[in-house]
Amino acid sequence: MSLSEADAKREVRAWGFPRVYTWTDRANAHYAPHTHPGITTHLILSGTFTVTYPDKPDAQKETFGPGARIDVPAGQLHEVWIGEEGCTYVIGE
């Protein structure tokens, strides 16, 4: 699935997210375990995005590529790694 940035933003808005923006991470970026006060969604445009939920008993890393949607529930502890090519995604909050 290949979406333009504009189409991806329209899609994320259609999912009901009032704040929508594009974010690009550098290669091999890492976000230590953290939470957000509200639900967030990530629609991958390019690169890879790996996430785990370290407080879950069966925590495993899962990697997503272009076209994937990742929803993180409000208050859910999560940790993220970005692939070697970096990653660009549209975020909805």
PDB file of N, CA and C in Angstrom:
ATOM      1  N   MET A   1       0.858  -1.185   0.000  1.00  0.00           N
ATOM      2  CA  MET A   1       0.000   0.000   0.000  1.00  0.00           C
ATOM      3  C   MET A   1       0.892   1.231   0.000  1.00  0.00           C
ATOM      4  N   SER A   2       0.709   2.102  -0.956  1.00  0.00           N
ATOM      5  CA  SER A   2       1.495   3.315  -1.036  1.00  0.00           C
ATOM      6  C   SER A   2       0.552   4.508  -1.055  1.00  0.00           C
ATOM      7  N   LEU A   3       0.615   5.313  -0.013  1.00  0.00           N
ATOM      8  CA  LEU A   3      -0.230   6.496   0.101  1.00  0.00           C
ATOM      9  C   LEU A   3       0.621   7.745  -0.020  1.00  0.00           C
ATOM     10  N   SER A   4       0.061   8.781  -0.625  1.00  0.00           N
ATOM     11  CA  SER A   4       0.739  10.070  -0.580  1.00  0.00           C
ATOM     12  C   SER A   4       0.559  10.632   0.827  1.00  0.00           C
ATOM     13  N   GLU A   5       1.379  11.581   1.188  1.00  0.00           N
ATOM     14  CA  GLU A   5       1.259  12.203   2.507  1.00  0.00           C
ATOM     15  C   GLU A   5      -0.121  12.854   2.670  1.00  0.00           C
ATOM     16  N   ALA A   6      -0.590  13.531   1.634  1.00  0.00           N
ATOM     17  CA  ALA A   6      -1.897  14.198   1.712  1.00  0.00           C
ATOM     18  C   ALA A   6      -3.019  13.176   1.897  1.00  0.00           C
ATOM     19  N   ASP A   7      -2.961  12.072   1.145  1.00  0.00           N
ATOM     20  CA  ASP A   7      -3.989  11.031   1.291  1.00  0.00           C
ATOM     21  C   ASP A   7      -3.944  10.398   2.673  1.00  0.00           C
ATOM     22  N   ALA A   8      -2.733  10.180   3.189  1.00  0.00           N
ATOM     23  CA  ALA A   8      -2.585   9.586   4.516  1.00  0.00           C
ATOM     24  C   ALA A   8      -3.170  10.510   5.581  1.00  0.00           C
ATOM     25  N   LYS A   9      -2.921  11.808   5.473  1.00  0.00           N
ATOM     26  CA  LYS A   9      -3.480  12.759   6.434  1.00  0.00           C
ATOM     27  C   LYS A   9      -5.014  12.765   6.369  1.00  0.00           C
ATOM     28  N   ARG A  10      -5.558  12.732   5.160  1.00  0.00           N
ATOM     29  CA  ARG A  10      -7.020  12.678   5.015  1.00  0.00           C
ATOM     30  C   ARG A  10      -7.583  11.421   5.673  1.00  0.00           C
ATOM     31  N   GLU A  11      -6.903  10.303   5.472  1.00  0.00           N
ATOM     32  CA  GLU A  11      -7.357   9.044   6.037  1.00  0.00           C
ATOM     33  C   GLU A  11      -7.342   9.085   7.570  1.00  0.00           C
ATOM     34  N   VAL A  12      -6.256   9.594   8.140  1.00  0.00           N
ATOM     35  CA  VAL A  12      -6.151   9.662   9.599  1.00  0.00           C
ATOM     36  C   VAL A  12      -7.213  10.608  10.171  1.00  0.00           C
ATOM     37  N   ARG A  13      -7.468  11.714   9.496  1.00  0.00           N
ATOM     38  CA  ARG A  13      -8.553  12.619   9.942  1.00  0.00           C
ATOM     39  C   ARG A  13      -9.897  11.898   9.889  1.00  0.00           C
ATOM     40  N   ALA A  14     -10.102  11.098   8.854  1.00  0.00           N
ATOM     41  CA  ALA A  14     -11.366  10.360   8.702  1.00  0.00           C
ATOM     42  C   ALA A  14     -11.554   9.341   9.822  1.00  0.00           C
ATOM     43  N   TRP A  15     -10.466   8.905  10.446  1.00  0.00           N
ATOM     44  CA  TRP A  15     -10.547   7.973  11.582  1.00  0.00           C
ATOM     45  C   TRP A  15     -10.969   8.692  12.857  1.00  0.00           C
ATOM     46  N   GLY A  16     -11.111  10.036  12.785  1.00  0.00           N
ATOM     47  CA  GLY A  16     -11.601  10.787  13.932  1.00  0.00           C
ATOM     48  C   GLY A  16     -10.553  11.491  14.768  1.00  0.00           C
ATOM     49  N   PHE A  17      -9.313  11.579  14.278  1.00  0.00           N
ATOM     50  CA  PHE A  17      -8.253  12.240  15.040  1.00  0.00           C
ATOM     51  C   PHE A  17      -8.227  13.732  14.692  1.00  0.00           C
ATOM     52  N   PRO A  18      -8.387  14.605  15.694  1.00  0.00           N
ATOM     53  CA  PRO A  18      -8.422  16.041  15.418  1.00  0.00           C
ATOM     54  C   PRO A  18      -7.050  16.661  15.128  1.00  0.00           C
ATOM     55  N   ARG A  19      -5.977  16.104  15.695  1.00  0.00           N
ATOM     56  CA  ARG A  19      -4.627  16.623  15.446  1.00  0.00           C
ATOM     57  C   ARG A  19      -3.893  15.600  14.591  1.00  0.00           C
ATOM     58  N   VAL A  20      -3.482  16.022  13.390  1.00  0.00           N
ATOM     59  CA  VAL A  20      -2.836  15.130  12.422  1.00  0.00           C
ATOM     60  C   VAL A  20      -1.595  15.823  11.876  1.00  0.00           C
ATOM     61  N   TYR A  21      -0.468  15.118  11.894  1.00  0.00           N
ATOM     62  CA  TYR A  21       0.772  15.699  11.371  1.00  0.00           C
ATOM     63  C   TYR A  21       1.706  14.587  10.901  1.00  0.00           C
ATOM     64  N   THR A  22       2.689  14.970  10.097  1.00  0.00           N
ATOM     65  CA  THR A  22       3.681  14.027   9.583  1.00  0.00           C
ATOM     66  C   THR A  22       4.949  14.147  10.407  1.00  0.00           C
ATOM     67  N   TRP A  23       5.560  12.993  10.687  1.00  0.00           N
ATOM     68  CA  TRP A  23       6.782  12.941  11.478  1.00  0.00           C
ATOM     69  C   TRP A  23       7.795  12.051  10.761  1.00  0.00           C
ATOM     70  N   THR A  24       9.057  12.458  10.777  1.00  0.00           N
ATOM     71  CA  THR A  24      10.129  11.640  10.211  1.00  0.00           C
ATOM     72  C   THR A  24      11.193  11.419  11.272  1.00  0.00           C
ATOM     73  N   ASP A  25      11.569  10.156  11.453  1.00  0.00           N
ATOM     74  CA  ASP A  25      12.633   9.791  12.378  1.00  0.00           C
ATOM     75  C   ASP A  25      13.879   9.413  11.607  1.00  0.00           C
ATOM     76  N   ARG A  26      15.013   9.703  12.202  1.00  0.00           N
ATOM     77  CA  ARG A  26      16.298   9.326  11.612  1.00  0.00           C
ATOM     78  C   ARG A  26      16.485   7.804  11.727  1.00  0.00           C
ATOM     79  N   ALA A  27      17.409   7.296  10.973  1.00  0.00           N
ATOM     80  CA  ALA A  27      17.725   5.873  11.023  1.00  0.00           C
ATOM     81  C   ALA A  27      18.113   5.459  12.437  1.00  0.00           C
ATOM     82  N   ASN A  28      17.630   4.302  12.842  1.00  0.00           N
ATOM     83  CA  ASN A  28      17.971   3.687  14.125  1.00  0.00           C
ATOM     84  C   ASN A  28      17.570   4.507  15.349  1.00  0.00           C
ATOM     85  N   ALA A  29      16.602   5.396  15.202  1.00  0.00           N
ATOM     86  CA  ALA A  29      16.114   6.161  16.355  1.00  0.00           C
ATOM     87  C   ALA A  29      15.449   5.197  17.340  1.00  0.00           C
ATOM     88  N   HIS A  30      15.431   5.584  18.608  1.00  0.00           N
ATOM     89  CA  HIS A  30      14.829   4.756  19.653  1.00  0.00           C
ATOM     90  C   HIS A  30      14.071   5.655  20.615  1.00  0.00           C
ATOM     91  N   TYR A  31      12.865   5.242  20.963  1.00  0.00           N
ATOM     92  CA  TYR A  31      12.065   5.935  21.969  1.00  0.00           C
ATOM     93  C   TYR A  31      11.933   4.988  23.159  1.00  0.00           C
ATOM     94  N   ALA A  32      12.530   5.366  24.284  1.00  0.00           N
ATOM     95  CA  ALA A  32      12.461   4.555  25.503  1.00  0.00           C
ATOM     96  C   ALA A  32      10.999   4.394  25.930  1.00  0.00           C
ATOM     97  N   PRO A  33      10.708   3.422  26.793  1.00  0.00           N
ATOM     98  CA  PRO A  33       9.320   3.211  27.218  1.00  0.00           C
ATOM     99  C   PRO A  33       8.678   4.512  27.722  1.00  0.00           C
ATOM    100  N   HIS A  34       7.472   4.782  27.199  1.00  0.00           N
ATOM    101  CA  HIS A  34       6.744   5.998  27.538  1.00  0.00           C
ATOM    102  C   HIS A  34       5.259   5.803  27.288  1.00  0.00           C
ATOM    103  N   THR A  35       4.463   6.762  27.707  1.00  0.00           N
ATOM    104  CA  THR A  35       3.015   6.746  27.476  1.00  0.00           C
ATOM    105  C   THR A  35       2.573   8.093  26.910  1.00  0.00           C
ATOM    106  N   HIS A  36       1.333   8.126  26.427  1.00  0.00           N
ATOM    107  CA  HIS A  36       0.685   9.368  25.973  1.00  0.00           C
ATOM    108  C   HIS A  36      -0.662   9.450  26.682  1.00  0.00           C
ATOM    109  N   PRO A  37      -1.143  10.668  26.961  1.00  0.00           N
ATOM    110  CA  PRO A  37      -2.411  10.801  27.683  1.00  0.00           C
ATOM    111  C   PRO A  37      -3.634  10.355  26.873  1.00  0.00           C
ATOM    112  N   GLY A  38      -3.542  10.403  25.550  1.00  0.00           N
ATOM    113  CA  GLY A  38      -4.668  10.005  24.700  1.00  0.00           C
ATOM    114  C   GLY A  38      -4.228   8.959  23.698  1.00  0.00           C
ATOM    115  N   ILE A  39      -5.203   8.365  23.014  1.00  0.00           N
ATOM    116  CA  ILE A  39      -4.879   7.395  21.962  1.00  0.00           C
ATOM    117  C   ILE A  39      -4.084   8.089  20.857  1.00  0.00           C
ATOM    118  N   THR A  40      -3.112   7.366  20.304  1.00  0.00           N
ATOM    119  CA  THR A  40      -2.371   7.859  19.144  1.00  0.00           C
ATOM    120  C   THR A  40      -2.415   6.791  18.054  1.00  0.00           C
ATOM    121  N   THR A  41      -2.378   7.245  16.807  1.00  0.00           N
ATOM    122  CA  THR A  41      -2.281   6.319  15.682  1.00  0.00           C
ATOM    123  C   THR A  41      -1.101   6.739  14.829  1.00  0.00           C
ATOM    124  N   HIS A  42      -0.513   5.773  14.147  1.00  0.00           N
ATOM    125  CA  HIS A  42       0.638   6.003  13.284  1.00  0.00           C
ATOM    126  C   HIS A  42       0.367   5.284  11.967  1.00  0.00           C
ATOM    127  N   LEU A  43       0.346   6.010  10.869  1.00  0.00           N
ATOM    128  CA  LEU A  43       0.157   5.428   9.538  1.00  0.00           C
ATOM    129  C   LEU A  43       1.494   5.558   8.805  1.00  0.00           C
ATOM    130  N   ILE A  44       2.145   4.426   8.569  1.00  0.00           N
ATOM    131  CA  ILE A  44       3.505   4.415   8.027  1.00  0.00           C
ATOM    132  C   ILE A  44       3.497   4.747   6.532  1.00  0.00           C
ATOM    133  N   LEU A  45       4.323   5.730   6.160  1.00  0.00           N
ATOM    134  CA  LEU A  45       4.487   6.106   4.753  1.00  0.00           C
ATOM    135  C   LEU A  45       5.726   5.454   4.153  1.00  0.00           C
ATOM    136  N   SER A  46       6.823   5.412   4.908  1.00  0.00           N
ATOM    137  CA  SER A  46       8.058   4.787   4.418  1.00  0.00           C
ATOM    138  C   SER A  46       8.892   4.336   5.608  1.00  0.00           C
ATOM    139  N   GLY A  47       9.727   3.341   5.370  1.00  0.00           N
ATOM    140  CA  GLY A  47      10.595   2.828   6.417  1.00  0.00           C
ATOM    141  C   GLY A  47       9.895   1.812   7.301  1.00  0.00           C
ATOM    142  N   THR A  48      10.548   1.502   8.439  1.00  0.00           N
ATOM    143  CA  THR A  48       9.975   0.531   9.364  1.00  0.00           C
ATOM    144  C   THR A  48       9.924   1.094  10.776  1.00  0.00           C
ATOM    145  N   PHE A  49       8.933   0.601  11.515  1.00  0.00           N
ATOM    146  CA  PHE A  49       8.588   1.068  12.855  1.00  0.00           C
ATOM    147  C   PHE A  49       8.340  -0.186  13.680  1.00  0.00           C
ATOM    148  N   THR A  50       9.152  -0.392  14.715  1.00  0.00           N
ATOM    149  CA  THR A  50       9.022  -1.568  15.575  1.00  0.00           C
ATOM    150  C   THR A  50       8.552  -1.111  16.946  1.00  0.00           C
ATOM    151  N   VAL A  51       7.548  -1.797  17.480  1.00  0.00           N
ATOM    152  CA  VAL A  51       6.976  -1.404  18.772  1.00  0.00           C
ATOM    153  C   VAL A  51       6.821  -2.623  19.670  1.00  0.00           C
ATOM    154  N   THR A  52       6.934  -2.394  20.969  1.00  0.00           N
ATOM    155  CA  THR A  52       6.600  -3.403  21.959  1.00  0.00           C
ATOM    156  C   THR A  52       5.896  -2.718  23.125  1.00  0.00           C
ATOM    157  N   TYR A  53       5.173  -3.511  23.887  1.00  0.00           N
ATOM    158  CA  TYR A  53       4.437  -3.032  25.058  1.00  0.00           C
ATOM    159  C   TYR A  53       5.038  -3.752  26.263  1.00  0.00           C
ATOM    160  N   PRO A  54       6.117  -3.178  26.864  1.00  0.00           N
ATOM    161  CA  PRO A  54       6.915  -3.903  27.855  1.00  0.00           C
ATOM    162  C   PRO A  54       6.182  -4.309  29.129  1.00  0.00           C
ATOM    163  N   ASP A  55       5.052  -3.722  29.436  1.00  0.00           N
ATOM    164  CA  ASP A  55       4.348  -4.102  30.665  1.00  0.00           C
ATOM    165  C   ASP A  55       3.356  -5.249  30.452  1.00  0.00           C
ATOM    166  N   LYS A  56       3.253  -5.735  29.212  1.00  0.00           N
ATOM    167  CA  LYS A  56       2.373  -6.875  28.937  1.00  0.00           C
ATOM    168  C   LYS A  56       3.151  -8.175  29.167  1.00  0.00           C
ATOM    169  N   PRO A  57       2.523  -9.179  29.768  1.00  0.00           N
ATOM    170  CA  PRO A  57       3.233 -10.421  30.074  1.00  0.00           C
ATOM    171  C   PRO A  57       3.803 -11.132  28.842  1.00  0.00           C
ATOM    172  N   ASP A  58       3.151 -10.981  27.703  1.00  0.00           N
ATOM    173  CA  ASP A  58       3.604 -11.650  26.473  1.00  0.00           C
ATOM    174  C   ASP A  58       4.277 -10.669  25.507  1.00  0.00           C
ATOM    175  N   ALA A  59       4.911  -9.627  26.056  1.00  0.00           N
ATOM    176  CA  ALA A  59       5.498  -8.558  25.238  1.00  0.00           C
ATOM    177  C   ALA A  59       6.451  -9.109  24.186  1.00  0.00           C
ATOM    178  N   GLN A  60       6.216  -8.695  22.941  1.00  0.00           N
ATOM    179  CA  GLN A  60       7.080  -9.040  21.819  1.00  0.00           C
ATOM    180  C   GLN A  60       7.214  -7.816  20.946  1.00  0.00           C
ATOM    181  N   LYS A  61       8.320  -7.733  20.231  1.00  0.00           N
ATOM    182  CA  LYS A  61       8.502  -6.649  19.264  1.00  0.00           C
ATOM    183  C   LYS A  61       7.745  -7.011  17.991  1.00  0.00           C
ATOM    184  N   GLU A  62       7.069  -6.011  17.414  1.00  0.00           N
ATOM    185  CA  GLU A  62       6.381  -6.208  16.140  1.00  0.00           C
ATOM    186  C   GLU A  62       6.787  -5.075  15.201  1.00  0.00           C
ATOM    187  N   THR A  63       7.192  -5.428  13.980  1.00  0.00           N
ATOM    188  CA  THR A  63       7.677  -4.446  13.010  1.00  0.00           C
ATOM    189  C   THR A  63       6.632  -4.209  11.929  1.00  0.00           C
ATOM    190  N   PHE A  64       6.460  -2.933  11.587  1.00  0.00           N
ATOM    191  CA  PHE A  64       5.471  -2.509  10.594  1.00  0.00           C
ATOM    192  C   PHE A  64       6.154  -1.700   9.502  1.00  0.00           C
ATOM    193  N   GLY A  65       5.616  -1.787   8.282  1.00  0.00           N
ATOM    194  CA  GLY A  65       6.145  -1.038   7.148  1.00  0.00           C
ATOM    195  C   GLY A  65       5.070  -0.179   6.505  1.00  0.00           C
ATOM    196  N   PRO A  66       5.353   0.336   5.301  1.00  0.00           N
ATOM    197  CA  PRO A  66       4.445   1.247   4.624  1.00  0.00           C
ATOM    198  C   PRO A  66       3.015   0.692   4.512  1.00  0.00           C
ATOM    199  N   GLY A  67       2.066   1.568   4.827  1.00  0.00           N
ATOM    200  CA  GLY A  67       0.652   1.214   4.760  1.00  0.00           C
ATOM    201  C   GLY A  67       0.087   0.705   6.071  1.00  0.00           C
ATOM    202  N   ALA A  68       0.947   0.369   7.023  1.00  0.00           N
ATOM    203  CA  ALA A  68       0.480  -0.185   8.298  1.00  0.00           C
ATOM    204  C   ALA A  68      -0.051   0.922   9.205  1.00  0.00           C
ATOM    205  N   ARG A  69      -1.063   0.547   9.985  1.00  0.00           N
ATOM    206  CA  ARG A  69      -1.628   1.433  11.001  1.00  0.00           C
ATOM    207  C   ARG A  69      -1.325   0.826  12.372  1.00  0.00           C
ATOM    208  N   ILE A  70      -0.742   1.646  13.249  1.00  0.00           N
ATOM    209  CA  ILE A  70      -0.446   1.211  14.615  1.00  0.00           C
ATOM    210  C   ILE A  70      -1.195   2.140  15.560  1.00  0.00           C
ATOM    211  N   ASP A  71      -2.094   1.590  16.353  1.00  0.00           N
ATOM    212  CA  ASP A  71      -2.814   2.359  17.362  1.00  0.00           C
ATOM    213  C   ASP A  71      -2.231   2.038  18.729  1.00  0.00           C
ATOM    214  N   VAL A  72      -1.962   3.071  19.505  1.00  0.00           N
ATOM    215  CA  VAL A  72      -1.459   2.901  20.870  1.00  0.00           C
ATOM    216  C   VAL A  72      -2.510   3.497  21.808  1.00  0.00           C
ATOM    217  N   PRO A  73      -3.126   2.663  22.649  1.00  0.00           N
ATOM    218  CA  PRO A  73      -4.164   3.157  23.553  1.00  0.00           C
ATOM    219  C   PRO A  73      -3.636   4.205  24.538  1.00  0.00           C
ATOM    220  N   ALA A  74      -4.506   5.063  24.990  1.00  0.00           N
ATOM    221  CA  ALA A  74      -4.153   6.072  25.995  1.00  0.00           C
ATOM    222  C   ALA A  74      -3.548   5.385  27.218  1.00  0.00           C
ATOM    223  N   GLY A  75      -2.427   5.910  27.686  1.00  0.00           N
ATOM    224  CA  GLY A  75      -1.801   5.396  28.887  1.00  0.00           C
ATOM    225  C   GLY A  75      -1.033   4.094  28.728  1.00  0.00           C
ATOM    226  N   GLN A  76      -0.994   3.530  27.511  1.00  0.00           N
ATOM    227  CA  GLN A  76      -0.298   2.245  27.290  1.00  0.00           C
ATOM    228  C   GLN A  76       1.212   2.468  27.199  1.00  0.00           C
ATOM    229  N   LEU A  77       1.971   1.820  28.062  1.00  0.00           N
ATOM    230  CA  LEU A  77       3.422   1.897  28.011  1.00  0.00           C
ATOM    231  C   LEU A  77       3.899   1.217  26.729  1.00  0.00           C
ATOM    232  N   HIS A  78       4.743   1.907  25.954  1.00  0.00           N
ATOM    233  CA  HIS A  78       5.267   1.337  24.719  1.00  0.00           C
ATOM    234  C   HIS A  78       6.681   1.850  24.466  1.00  0.00           C
ATOM    235  N   GLU A  79       7.425   1.076  23.674  1.00  0.00           N
ATOM    236  CA  GLU A  79       8.796   1.400  23.308  1.00  0.00           C
ATOM    237  C   GLU A  79       8.908   1.209  21.799  1.00  0.00           C
ATOM    238  N   VAL A  80       9.670   2.105  21.128  1.00  0.00           N
ATOM    239  CA  VAL A  80       9.720   2.104  19.665  1.00  0.00           C
ATOM    240  C   VAL A  80      11.160   2.162  19.165  1.00  0.00           C
ATOM    241  N   TRP A  81      11.426   1.389  18.104  1.00  0.00           N
ATOM    242  CA  TRP A  81      12.698   1.423  17.378  1.00  0.00           C
ATOM    243  C   TRP A  81      12.388   1.710  15.916  1.00  0.00           C
ATOM    244  N   ILE A  82      13.220   2.543  15.301  1.00  0.00           N
ATOM    245  CA  ILE A  82      13.081   2.892  13.888  1.00  0.00           C
ATOM    246  C   ILE A  82      14.144   2.134  13.099  1.00  0.00           C
ATOM    247  N   GLY A  83      13.797   1.696  11.913  1.00  0.00           N
ATOM    248  CA  GLY A  83      14.702   0.900  11.088  1.00  0.00           C
ATOM    249  C   GLY A  83      15.881   1.677  10.524  1.00  0.00           C
ATOM    250  N   GLU A  84      16.755   0.948   9.858  1.00  0.00           N
ATOM    251  CA  GLU A  84      17.995   1.504   9.308  1.00  0.00           C
ATOM    252  C   GLU A  84      17.783   2.588   8.260  1.00  0.00           C
ATOM    253  N   GLU A  85      16.611   2.597   7.619  1.00  0.00           N
ATOM    254  CA  GLU A  85      16.342   3.594   6.581  1.00  0.00           C
ATOM    255  C   GLU A  85      15.548   4.781   7.113  1.00  0.00           C
ATOM    256  N   GLY A  86      15.324   4.830   8.434  1.00  0.00           N
ATOM    257  CA  GLY A  86      14.486   5.873   9.005  1.00  0.00           C
ATOM    258  C   GLY A  86      13.015   5.519   8.786  1.00  0.00           C
ATOM    259  N   CYS A  87      12.142   6.420   9.165  1.00  0.00           N
ATOM    260  CA  CYS A  87      10.709   6.150   9.016  1.00  0.00           C
ATOM    261  C   CYS A  87       9.954   7.469   8.967  1.00  0.00           C
ATOM    262  N   THR A  88       9.010   7.555   8.048  1.00  0.00           N
ATOM    263  CA  THR A  88       8.102   8.700   7.968  1.00  0.00           C
ATOM    264  C   THR A  88       6.695   8.176   8.149  1.00  0.00           C
ATOM    265  N   TYR A  89       5.938   8.845   9.006  1.00  0.00           N
ATOM    266  CA  TYR A  89       4.577   8.403   9.300  1.00  0.00           C
ATOM    267  C   TYR A  89       3.690   9.576   9.638  1.00  0.00           C
ATOM    268  N   VAL A  90       2.403   9.376   9.434  1.00  0.00           N
ATOM    269  CA  VAL A  90       1.407  10.367   9.820  1.00  0.00           C
ATOM    270  C   VAL A  90       0.858   9.956  11.182  1.00  0.00           C
ATOM    271  N   ILE A  91       0.856  10.905  12.107  1.00  0.00           N
ATOM    272  CA  ILE A  91       0.386  10.674  13.463  1.00  0.00           C
ATOM    273  C   ILE A  91      -0.976  11.336  13.636  1.00  0.00           C
ATOM    274  N   GLY A  92      -1.863  10.632  14.306  1.00  0.00           N
ATOM    275  CA  GLY A  92      -3.146  11.194  14.713  1.00  0.00           C
ATOM    276  C   GLY A  92      -3.246  11.163  16.217  1.00  0.00           C
ATOM    277  N   GLU A  93      -3.660  12.286  16.790  1.00  0.00           N
ATOM    278  CA  GLU A  93      -3.823  12.379  18.243  1.00  0.00           C
ATOM    279  C   GLU A  93      -5.196  12.952  18.558  1.00  0.00           C
TER     280      GLU A  93
END
